[in-house]
Amino acid sequence: MQAQYFPPQGCPQYCPPQVFPAQYDPPLVSPGQQYVKTNIFNKVVTHLHTSHTTTVNMQMINHQHYFPHTESCVNECCETHTMCGVPYNPCCPPRPF
């Protein structure tokens, strides 16, 4: 006959852990932040102003933090007229001061 093993009293026996499926809370959305980026282009004669935008998409693995961002563009044009003298009028002779 084989002897049965009984652990000493006061020593706990451990069962294998039970792993349950992950539970997901609804996403927490922070209020959006708005940024205004102003580009000023001064033009005296015809110029070509090229621009380039690089979009970086960063994926955060495991922590699942999301940072949505939108971008808009406003084109503004400011003009000045500079009078560098007076136009010549051939019909009226210049008056002496």
PDB file of N, CA and C in Angstrom:
ATOM      1  N   MET A   1       0.836  -1.153   0.000  1.00  0.00           N
ATOM      2  CA  MET A   1       0.000   0.000   0.000  1.00  0.00           C
ATOM      3  C   MET A   1       0.899   1.239   0.000  1.00  0.00           C
ATOM      4  N   GLN A   2       0.510   2.186  -0.831  1.00  0.00           N
ATOM      5  CA  GLN A   2       1.311   3.401  -0.969  1.00  0.00           C
ATOM      6  C   GLN A   2       0.808   4.443   0.025  1.00  0.00           C
ATOM      7  N   ALA A   3       1.733   5.160   0.635  1.00  0.00           N
ATOM      8  CA  ALA A   3       1.360   6.165   1.620  1.00  0.00           C
ATOM      9  C   ALA A   3       0.925   7.448   0.910  1.00  0.00           C
ATOM     10  N   GLN A   4      -0.109   8.121   1.403  1.00  0.00           N
ATOM     11  CA  GLN A   4      -0.570   9.387   0.844  1.00  0.00           C
ATOM     12  C   GLN A   4       0.198  10.535   1.496  1.00  0.00           C
ATOM     13  N   TYR A   5       0.451  11.542   0.697  1.00  0.00           N
ATOM     14  CA  TYR A   5       1.171  12.712   1.206  1.00  0.00           C
ATOM     15  C   TYR A   5       0.161  13.742   1.658  1.00  0.00           C
ATOM     16  N   PHE A   6       0.292  14.210   2.820  1.00  0.00           N
ATOM     17  CA  PHE A   6      -0.529  15.296   3.354  1.00  0.00           C
ATOM     18  C   PHE A   6       0.421  16.433   3.727  1.00  0.00           C
ATOM     19  N   PRO A   7       0.203  17.641   3.139  1.00  0.00           N
ATOM     20  CA  PRO A   7       1.095  18.749   3.481  1.00  0.00           C
ATOM     21  C   PRO A   7       0.929  19.133   4.943  1.00  0.00           C
ATOM     22  N   PRO A   8       1.978  19.664   5.507  1.00  0.00           N
ATOM     23  CA  PRO A   8       1.883  20.082   6.900  1.00  0.00           C
ATOM     24  C   PRO A   8       0.791  21.135   7.075  1.00  0.00           C
ATOM     25  N   GLN A   9       0.196  21.157   8.227  1.00  0.00           N
ATOM     26  CA  GLN A   9      -0.863  22.118   8.475  1.00  0.00           C
ATOM     27  C   GLN A   9      -0.263  23.528   8.533  1.00  0.00           C
ATOM     28  N   GLY A  10      -1.067  24.491   8.048  1.00  0.00           N
ATOM     29  CA  GLY A  10      -0.610  25.877   8.033  1.00  0.00           C
ATOM     30  C   GLY A  10       0.061  26.255   6.716  1.00  0.00           C
ATOM     31  N   CYS A  11       0.375  25.310   5.836  1.00  0.00           N
ATOM     32  CA  CYS A  11       0.975  25.621   4.536  1.00  0.00           C
ATOM     33  C   CYS A  11      -0.153  25.665   3.510  1.00  0.00           C
ATOM     34  N   PRO A  12      -0.343  26.788   2.810  1.00  0.00           N
ATOM     35  CA  PRO A  12      -1.433  26.866   1.841  1.00  0.00           C
ATOM     36  C   PRO A  12      -1.114  26.066   0.593  1.00  0.00           C
ATOM     37  N   GLN A  13      -2.152  25.617  -0.050  1.00  0.00           N
ATOM     38  CA  GLN A  13      -2.012  24.953  -1.343  1.00  0.00           C
ATOM     39  C   GLN A  13      -2.469  25.946  -2.412  1.00  0.00           C
ATOM     40  N   TYR A  14      -1.703  26.065  -3.482  1.00  0.00           N
ATOM     41  CA  TYR A  14      -1.994  27.048  -4.523  1.00  0.00           C
ATOM     42  C   TYR A  14      -2.601  26.357  -5.721  1.00  0.00           C
ATOM     43  N   CYS A  15      -3.687  26.925  -6.227  1.00  0.00           N
ATOM     44  CA  CYS A  15      -4.313  26.450  -7.456  1.00  0.00           C
ATOM     45  C   CYS A  15      -3.751  27.263  -8.607  1.00  0.00           C
ATOM     46  N   PRO A  16      -3.797  26.731  -9.827  1.00  0.00           N
ATOM     47  CA  PRO A  16      -3.340  27.534 -10.960  1.00  0.00           C
ATOM     48  C   PRO A  16      -4.227  28.771 -11.120  1.00  0.00           C
ATOM     49  N   PRO A  17      -3.649  29.904 -11.523  1.00  0.00           N
ATOM     50  CA  PRO A  17      -4.444  31.131 -11.662  1.00  0.00           C
ATOM     51  C   PRO A  17      -5.431  31.016 -12.815  1.00  0.00           C
ATOM     52  N   GLN A  18      -6.544  31.687 -12.678  1.00  0.00           N
ATOM     53  CA  GLN A  18      -7.524  31.759 -13.753  1.00  0.00           C
ATOM     54  C   GLN A  18      -7.327  33.088 -14.465  1.00  0.00           C
ATOM     55  N   VAL A  19      -7.198  33.024 -15.760  1.00  0.00           N
ATOM     56  CA  VAL A  19      -6.993  34.230 -16.567  1.00  0.00           C
ATOM     57  C   VAL A  19      -8.290  34.510 -17.315  1.00  0.00           C
ATOM     58  N   PHE A  20      -8.847  35.696 -17.078  1.00  0.00           N
ATOM     59  CA  PHE A  20     -10.095  36.086 -17.714  1.00  0.00           C
ATOM     60  C   PHE A  20      -9.795  37.004 -18.903  1.00  0.00           C
ATOM     61  N   PRO A  21     -10.710  37.084 -19.872  1.00  0.00           N
ATOM     62  CA  PRO A  21     -10.498  37.978 -21.021  1.00  0.00           C
ATOM     63  C   PRO A  21     -10.398  39.439 -20.574  1.00  0.00           C
ATOM     64  N   ALA A  22      -9.640  40.228 -21.318  1.00  0.00           N
ATOM     65  CA  ALA A  22      -9.479  41.655 -21.003  1.00  0.00           C
ATOM     66  C   ALA A  22     -10.812  42.365 -21.179  1.00  0.00           C
ATOM     67  N   GLN A  23     -11.079  43.320 -20.307  1.00  0.00           N
ATOM     68  CA  GLN A  23     -12.276  44.139 -20.394  1.00  0.00           C
ATOM     69  C   GLN A  23     -11.858  45.538 -20.815  1.00  0.00           C
ATOM     70  N   TYR A  24     -12.638  46.130 -21.699  1.00  0.00           N
ATOM     71  CA  TYR A  24     -12.295  47.445 -22.240  1.00  0.00           C
ATOM     72  C   TYR A  24     -13.336  48.473 -21.813  1.00  0.00           C
ATOM     73  N   ASP A  25     -12.877  49.576 -21.225  1.00  0.00           N
ATOM     74  CA  ASP A  25     -13.753  50.689 -20.903  1.00  0.00           C
ATOM     75  C   ASP A  25     -13.962  51.519 -22.163  1.00  0.00           C
ATOM     76  N   PRO A  26     -15.010  52.335 -22.206  1.00  0.00           N
ATOM     77  CA  PRO A  26     -15.158  53.246 -23.349  1.00  0.00           C
ATOM     78  C   PRO A  26     -13.976  54.213 -23.391  1.00  0.00           C
ATOM     79  N   PRO A  27     -13.580  54.655 -24.585  1.00  0.00           N
ATOM     80  CA  PRO A  27     -12.435  55.565 -24.676  1.00  0.00           C
ATOM     81  C   PRO A  27     -12.729  56.887 -23.975  1.00  0.00           C
ATOM     82  N   LEU A  28     -11.693  57.454 -23.359  1.00  0.00           N
ATOM     83  CA  LEU A  28     -11.783  58.765 -22.729  1.00  0.00           C
ATOM     84  C   LEU A  28     -11.188  59.781 -23.693  1.00  0.00           C
ATOM     85  N   VAL A  29     -12.013  60.709 -24.159  1.00  0.00           N
ATOM     86  CA  VAL A  29     -11.578  61.678 -25.160  1.00  0.00           C
ATOM     87  C   VAL A  29     -11.368  63.023 -24.485  1.00  0.00           C
ATOM     88  N   SER A  30     -10.156  63.531 -24.541  1.00  0.00           N
ATOM     89  CA  SER A  30      -9.846  64.845 -23.981  1.00  0.00           C
ATOM     90  C   SER A  30     -10.350  65.919 -24.937  1.00  0.00           C
ATOM     91  N   PRO A  31     -10.656  67.115 -24.426  1.00  0.00           N
ATOM     92  CA  PRO A  31     -11.052  68.201 -25.330  1.00  0.00           C
ATOM     93  C   PRO A  31      -9.937  68.494 -26.327  1.00  0.00           C
ATOM     94  N   GLY A  32     -10.313  68.752 -27.569  1.00  0.00           N
ATOM     95  CA  GLY A  32      -9.322  69.009 -28.614  1.00  0.00           C
ATOM     96  C   GLY A  32      -8.611  70.333 -28.406  1.00  0.00           C
ATOM     97  N   GLN A  33      -7.370  70.391 -28.824  1.00  0.00           N
ATOM     98  CA  GLN A  33      -6.596  71.628 -28.786  1.00  0.00           C
ATOM     99  C   GLN A  33      -6.507  72.151 -30.202  1.00  0.00           C
ATOM    100  N   GLN A  34      -6.639  73.449 -30.376  1.00  0.00           N
ATOM    101  CA  GLN A  34      -6.558  74.047 -31.694  1.00  0.00           C
ATOM    102  C   GLN A  34      -5.290  74.865 -31.802  1.00  0.00           C
ATOM    103  N   TYR A  35      -4.586  74.687 -32.899  1.00  0.00           N
ATOM    104  CA  TYR A  35      -3.353  75.414 -33.154  1.00  0.00           C
ATOM    105  C   TYR A  35      -3.547  76.277 -34.398  1.00  0.00           C
ATOM    106  N   VAL A  36      -3.050  77.495 -34.384  1.00  0.00           N
ATOM    107  CA  VAL A  36      -3.098  78.380 -35.542  1.00  0.00           C
ATOM    108  C   VAL A  36      -1.666  78.631 -35.980  1.00  0.00           C
ATOM    109  N   LYS A  37      -1.376  78.277 -37.215  1.00  0.00           N
ATOM    110  CA  LYS A  37      -0.041  78.455 -37.769  1.00  0.00           C
ATOM    111  C   LYS A  37      -0.157  79.479 -38.889  1.00  0.00           C
ATOM    112  N   THR A  38       0.538  80.613 -38.783  1.00  0.00           N
ATOM    113  CA  THR A  38       0.442  81.682 -39.768  1.00  0.00           C
ATOM    114  C   THR A  38       1.708  81.732 -40.598  1.00  0.00           C
ATOM    115  N   ASN A  39       1.539  81.690 -41.908  1.00  0.00           N
ATOM    116  CA  ASN A  39       2.652  81.847 -42.843  1.00  0.00           C
ATOM    117  C   ASN A  39       2.463  83.176 -43.556  1.00  0.00           C
ATOM    118  N   ILE A  40       3.486  84.035 -43.553  1.00  0.00           N
ATOM    119  CA  ILE A  40       3.412  85.333 -44.217  1.00  0.00           C
ATOM    120  C   ILE A  40       4.380  85.325 -45.390  1.00  0.00           C
ATOM    121  N   PHE A  41       3.851  85.621 -46.561  1.00  0.00           N
ATOM    122  CA  PHE A  41       4.668  85.665 -47.767  1.00  0.00           C
ATOM    123  C   PHE A  41       4.620  87.088 -48.326  1.00  0.00           C
ATOM    124  N   ASN A  42       5.756  87.818 -48.306  1.00  0.00           N
ATOM    125  CA  ASN A  42       5.845  89.153 -48.895  1.00  0.00           C
ATOM    126  C   ASN A  42       6.194  89.004 -50.362  1.00  0.00           C
ATOM    127  N   LYS A  43       5.437  89.705 -51.224  1.00  0.00           N
ATOM    128  CA  LYS A  43       5.674  89.571 -52.655  1.00  0.00           C
ATOM    129  C   LYS A  43       5.840  90.950 -53.260  1.00  0.00           C
ATOM    130  N   VAL A  44       6.987  91.199 -53.927  1.00  0.00           N
ATOM    131  CA  VAL A  44       7.242  92.437 -54.628  1.00  0.00           C
ATOM    132  C   VAL A  44       7.082  92.205 -56.116  1.00  0.00           C
ATOM    133  N   VAL A  45       7.684  91.158 -56.623  1.00  0.00           N
ATOM    134  CA  VAL A  45       7.515  90.721 -58.006  1.00  0.00           C
ATOM    135  C   VAL A  45       7.043  89.280 -57.950  1.00  0.00           C
ATOM    136  N   THR A  46       6.773  88.696 -59.097  1.00  0.00           N
ATOM    137  CA  THR A  46       6.254  87.339 -59.116  1.00  0.00           C
ATOM    138  C   THR A  46       7.272  86.380 -58.518  1.00  0.00           C
ATOM    139  N   HIS A  47       6.832  85.675 -57.499  1.00  0.00           N
ATOM    140  CA  HIS A  47       7.663  84.683 -56.827  1.00  0.00           C
ATOM    141  C   HIS A  47       6.866  83.405 -56.689  1.00  0.00           C
ATOM    142  N   LEU A  48       7.555  82.304 -56.631  1.00  0.00           N
ATOM    143  CA  LEU A  48       6.922  81.022 -56.378  1.00  0.00           C
ATOM    144  C   LEU A  48       7.311  80.571 -54.977  1.00  0.00           C
ATOM    145  N   HIS A  49       6.331  80.411 -54.112  1.00  0.00           N
ATOM    146  CA  HIS A  49       6.568  79.972 -52.738  1.00  0.00           C
ATOM    147  C   HIS A  49       6.042  78.544 -52.597  1.00  0.00           C
ATOM    148  N   THR A  50       6.949  77.602 -52.644  1.00  0.00           N
ATOM    149  CA  THR A  50       6.525  76.220 -52.487  1.00  0.00           C
ATOM    150  C   THR A  50       6.464  75.866 -51.012  1.00  0.00           C
ATOM    151  N   SER A  51       5.711  74.877 -50.713  1.00  0.00           N
ATOM    152  CA  SER A  51       5.628  74.425 -49.329  1.00  0.00           C
ATOM    153  C   SER A  51       5.559  72.905 -49.309  1.00  0.00           C
ATOM    154  N   HIS A  52       5.928  72.351 -48.193  1.00  0.00           N
ATOM    155  CA  HIS A  52       5.917  70.897 -48.028  1.00  0.00           C
ATOM    156  C   HIS A  52       5.421  70.583 -46.622  1.00  0.00           C
ATOM    157  N   THR A  53       4.527  69.639 -46.509  1.00  0.00           N
ATOM    158  CA  THR A  53       4.036  69.188 -45.208  1.00  0.00           C
ATOM    159  C   THR A  53       4.351  67.714 -45.059  1.00  0.00           C
ATOM    160  N   THR A  54       4.999  67.369 -43.965  1.00  0.00           N
ATOM    161  CA  THR A  54       5.277  65.973 -43.653  1.00  0.00           C
ATOM    162  C   THR A  54       4.327  65.533 -42.555  1.00  0.00           C
ATOM    163  N   THR A  55       3.586  64.477 -42.813  1.00  0.00           N
ATOM    164  CA  THR A  55       2.677  63.930 -41.815  1.00  0.00           C
ATOM    165  C   THR A  55       3.328  62.706 -41.203  1.00  0.00           C
ATOM    166  N   VAL A  56       3.442  62.715 -39.896  1.00  0.00           N
ATOM    167  CA  VAL A  56       4.024  61.589 -39.172  1.00  0.00           C
ATOM    168  C   VAL A  56       2.897  60.870 -38.459  1.00  0.00           C
ATOM    169  N   ASN A  57       2.666  59.626 -38.805  1.00  0.00           N
ATOM    170  CA  ASN A  57       1.674  58.806 -38.125  1.00  0.00           C
ATOM    171  C   ASN A  57       2.409  57.906 -37.141  1.00  0.00           C
ATOM    172  N   MET A  58       2.164  58.142 -35.866  1.00  0.00           N
ATOM    173  CA  MET A  58       2.842  57.372 -34.839  1.00  0.00           C
ATOM    174  C   MET A  58       1.848  56.388 -34.237  1.00  0.00           C
ATOM    175  N   GLN A  59       2.201  55.145 -34.207  1.00  0.00           N
ATOM    176  CA  GLN A  59       1.328  54.129 -33.638  1.00  0.00           C
ATOM    177  C   GLN A  59       1.885  53.696 -32.292  1.00  0.00           C
ATOM    178  N   MET A  60       1.070  53.840 -31.269  1.00  0.00           N
ATOM    179  CA  MET A  60       1.460  53.445 -29.934  1.00  0.00           C
ATOM    180  C   MET A  60       0.892  52.042 -29.698  1.00  0.00           C
ATOM    181  N   ILE A  61       1.757  51.097 -29.450  1.00  0.00           N
ATOM    182  CA  ILE A  61       1.327  49.721 -29.257  1.00  0.00           C
ATOM    183  C   ILE A  61       1.097  49.466 -27.775  1.00  0.00           C
ATOM    184  N   ASN A  62       0.045  48.754 -27.443  1.00  0.00           N
ATOM    185  CA  ASN A  62      -0.240  48.232 -26.116  1.00  0.00           C
ATOM    186  C   ASN A  62      -0.869  49.250 -25.177  1.00  0.00           C
ATOM    187  N   HIS A  63      -0.445  50.525 -25.201  1.00  0.00           N
ATOM    188  CA  HIS A  63      -1.022  51.498 -24.285  1.00  0.00           C
ATOM    189  C   HIS A  63      -2.309  52.097 -24.841  1.00  0.00           C
ATOM    190  N   GLN A  64      -2.486  52.073 -26.128  1.00  0.00           N
ATOM    191  CA  GLN A  64      -3.676  52.509 -26.838  1.00  0.00           C
ATOM    192  C   GLN A  64      -4.088  53.934 -26.496  1.00  0.00           C
ATOM    193  N   HIS A  65      -3.146  54.868 -26.565  1.00  0.00           N
ATOM    194  CA  HIS A  65      -3.432  56.301 -26.444  1.00  0.00           C
ATOM    195  C   HIS A  65      -3.567  56.844 -27.863  1.00  0.00           C
ATOM    196  N   TYR A  66      -4.611  57.614 -28.135  1.00  0.00           N
ATOM    197  CA  TYR A  66      -4.836  58.161 -29.466  1.00  0.00           C
ATOM    198  C   TYR A  66      -4.768  59.683 -29.411  1.00  0.00           C
ATOM    199  N   PHE A  67      -4.150  60.288 -30.398  1.00  0.00           N
ATOM    200  CA  PHE A  67      -3.999  61.730 -30.469  1.00  0.00           C
ATOM    201  C   PHE A  67      -4.487  62.210 -31.841  1.00  0.00           C
ATOM    202  N   PRO A  68      -5.803  62.298 -32.066  1.00  0.00           N
ATOM    203  CA  PRO A  68      -6.271  62.751 -33.381  1.00  0.00           C
ATOM    204  C   PRO A  68      -5.960  64.231 -33.576  1.00  0.00           C
ATOM    205  N   HIS A  69      -5.667  64.592 -34.807  1.00  0.00           N
ATOM    206  CA  HIS A  69      -5.298  65.967 -35.133  1.00  0.00           C
ATOM    207  C   HIS A  69      -5.871  66.305 -36.502  1.00  0.00           C
ATOM    208  N   THR A  70      -6.479  67.461 -36.611  1.00  0.00           N
ATOM    209  CA  THR A  70      -6.928  67.943 -37.912  1.00  0.00           C
ATOM    210  C   THR A  70      -6.136  69.194 -38.254  1.00  0.00           C
ATOM    211  N   GLU A  71      -6.112  69.504 -39.533  1.00  0.00           N
ATOM    212  CA  GLU A  71      -5.355  70.666 -39.980  1.00  0.00           C
ATOM    213  C   GLU A  71      -6.160  71.390 -41.031  1.00  0.00           C
ATOM    214  N   SER A  72      -6.142  72.711 -41.005  1.00  0.00           N
ATOM    215  CA  SER A  72      -6.821  73.495 -42.027  1.00  0.00           C
ATOM    216  C   SER A  72      -5.866  74.570 -42.528  1.00  0.00           C
ATOM    217  N   CYS A  73      -6.224  75.144 -43.664  1.00  0.00           N
ATOM    218  CA  CYS A  73      -5.356  76.148 -44.284  1.00  0.00           C
ATOM    219  C   CYS A  73      -6.200  77.361 -44.634  1.00  0.00           C
ATOM    220  N   VAL A  74      -5.737  78.547 -44.301  1.00  0.00           N
ATOM    221  CA  VAL A  74      -6.394  79.798 -44.660  1.00  0.00           C
ATOM    222  C   VAL A  74      -5.410  80.587 -45.504  1.00  0.00           C
ATOM    223  N   ASN A  75      -5.827  80.969 -46.703  1.00  0.00           N
ATOM    224  CA  ASN A  75      -4.968  81.767 -47.576  1.00  0.00           C
ATOM    225  C   ASN A  75      -5.402  83.223 -47.481  1.00  0.00           C
ATOM    226  N   GLU A  76      -4.484  84.097 -47.145  1.00  0.00           N
ATOM    227  CA  GLU A  76      -4.758  85.521 -47.049  1.00  0.00           C
ATOM    228  C   GLU A  76      -3.849  86.263 -48.017  1.00  0.00           C
ATOM    229  N   CYS A  77      -4.350  87.345 -48.564  1.00  0.00           N
ATOM    230  CA  CYS A  77      -3.559  88.157 -49.486  1.00  0.00           C
ATOM    231  C   CYS A  77      -3.677  89.610 -49.058  1.00  0.00           C
ATOM    232  N   CYS A  78      -2.567  90.280 -48.873  1.00  0.00           N
ATOM    233  CA  CYS A  78      -2.537  91.698 -48.538  1.00  0.00           C
ATOM    234  C   CYS A  78      -1.823  92.418 -49.663  1.00  0.00           C
ATOM    235  N   GLU A  79      -2.393  93.552 -50.130  1.00  0.00           N
ATOM    236  CA  GLU A  79      -1.792  94.314 -51.219  1.00  0.00           C
ATOM    237  C   GLU A  79      -1.525  95.740 -50.764  1.00  0.00           C
ATOM    238  N   THR A  80      -0.478  96.322 -51.292  1.00  0.00           N
ATOM    239  CA  THR A  80      -0.195  97.737 -51.084  1.00  0.00           C
ATOM    240  C   THR A  80       0.020  98.381 -52.441  1.00  0.00           C
ATOM    241  N   HIS A  81      -0.343  99.643 -52.558  1.00  0.00           N
ATOM    242  CA  HIS A  81      -0.098 100.407 -53.780  1.00  0.00           C
ATOM    243  C   HIS A  81       0.792 101.587 -53.392  1.00  0.00           C
ATOM    244  N   THR A  82       1.967 101.668 -53.972  1.00  0.00           N
ATOM    245  CA  THR A  82       2.920 102.728 -53.675  1.00  0.00           C
ATOM    246  C   THR A  82       3.007 103.646 -54.883  1.00  0.00           C
ATOM    247  N   MET A  83       2.702 104.910 -54.678  1.00  0.00           N
ATOM    248  CA  MET A  83       2.794 105.885 -55.761  1.00  0.00           C
ATOM    249  C   MET A  83       4.194 106.484 -55.725  1.00  0.00           C
ATOM    250  N   CYS A  84       4.993 106.178 -56.724  1.00  0.00           N
ATOM    251  CA  CYS A  84       6.373 106.664 -56.799  1.00  0.00           C
ATOM    252  C   CYS A  84       6.422 107.847 -57.759  1.00  0.00           C
ATOM    253  N   GLY A  85       5.755 108.919 -57.428  1.00  0.00           N
ATOM    254  CA  GLY A  85       5.659 110.094 -58.299  1.00  0.00           C
ATOM    255  C   GLY A  85       4.218 110.243 -58.764  1.00  0.00           C
ATOM    256  N   VAL A  86       4.009 111.169 -59.703  1.00  0.00           N
ATOM    257  CA  VAL A  86       2.679 111.403 -60.257  1.00  0.00           C
ATOM    258  C   VAL A  86       2.720 111.079 -61.736  1.00  0.00           C
ATOM    259  N   PRO A  87       1.607 110.612 -62.290  1.00  0.00           N
ATOM    260  CA  PRO A  87       1.620 110.306 -63.719  1.00  0.00           C
ATOM    261  C   PRO A  87       1.772 111.580 -64.569  1.00  0.00           C
ATOM    262  N   TYR A  88       2.388 111.456 -65.696  1.00  0.00           N
ATOM    263  CA  TYR A  88       2.616 112.582 -66.610  1.00  0.00           C
ATOM    264  C   TYR A  88       1.339 112.851 -67.380  1.00  0.00           C
ATOM    265  N   ASN A  89       0.939 114.109 -67.447  1.00  0.00           N
ATOM    266  CA  ASN A  89      -0.235 114.525 -68.203  1.00  0.00           C
ATOM    267  C   ASN A  89       0.231 115.449 -69.318  1.00  0.00           C
ATOM    268  N   PRO A  90       0.188 114.997 -70.576  1.00  0.00           N
ATOM    269  CA  PRO A  90       0.705 115.828 -71.664  1.00  0.00           C
ATOM    270  C   PRO A  90      -0.184 117.018 -71.960  1.00  0.00           C
ATOM    271  N   CYS A  91      -1.417 117.045 -71.477  1.00  0.00           N
ATOM    272  CA  CYS A  91      -2.328 118.144 -71.767  1.00  0.00           C
ATOM    273  C   CYS A  91      -2.096 119.365 -70.888  1.00  0.00           C
ATOM    274  N   CYS A  92      -1.557 119.169 -69.701  1.00  0.00           N
ATOM    275  CA  CYS A  92      -1.377 120.286 -68.764  1.00  0.00           C
ATOM    276  C   CYS A  92       0.115 120.512 -68.556  1.00  0.00           C
ATOM    277  N   PRO A  93       0.614 121.718 -68.853  1.00  0.00           N
ATOM    278  CA  PRO A  93       2.002 121.983 -68.566  1.00  0.00           C
ATOM    279  C   PRO A  93       2.210 122.080 -67.049  1.00  0.00           C
ATOM    280  N   PRO A  94       3.393 121.736 -66.575  1.00  0.00           N
ATOM    281  CA  PRO A  94       3.638 121.825 -65.137  1.00  0.00           C
ATOM    282  C   PRO A  94       3.534 123.254 -64.651  1.00  0.00           C
ATOM    283  N   ARG A  95       2.938 123.437 -63.455  1.00  0.00           N
ATOM    284  CA  ARG A  95       2.772 124.781 -62.881  1.00  0.00           C
ATOM    285  C   ARG A  95       3.981 125.124 -62.019  1.00  0.00           C
ATOM    286  N   PRO A  96       4.427 126.372 -62.078  1.00  0.00           N
ATOM    287  CA  PRO A  96       5.513 126.767 -61.174  1.00  0.00           C
ATOM    288  C   PRO A  96       4.982 126.907 -59.752  1.00  0.00           C
ATOM    289  N   PHE A  97       5.822 126.662 -58.793  1.00  0.00           N
ATOM    290  CA  PHE A  97       5.438 126.786 -57.366  1.00  0.00           C
ATOM    291  C   PHE A  97       5.441 128.197 -56.928  1.00  0.00           C
TER     292      PHE A  97
END
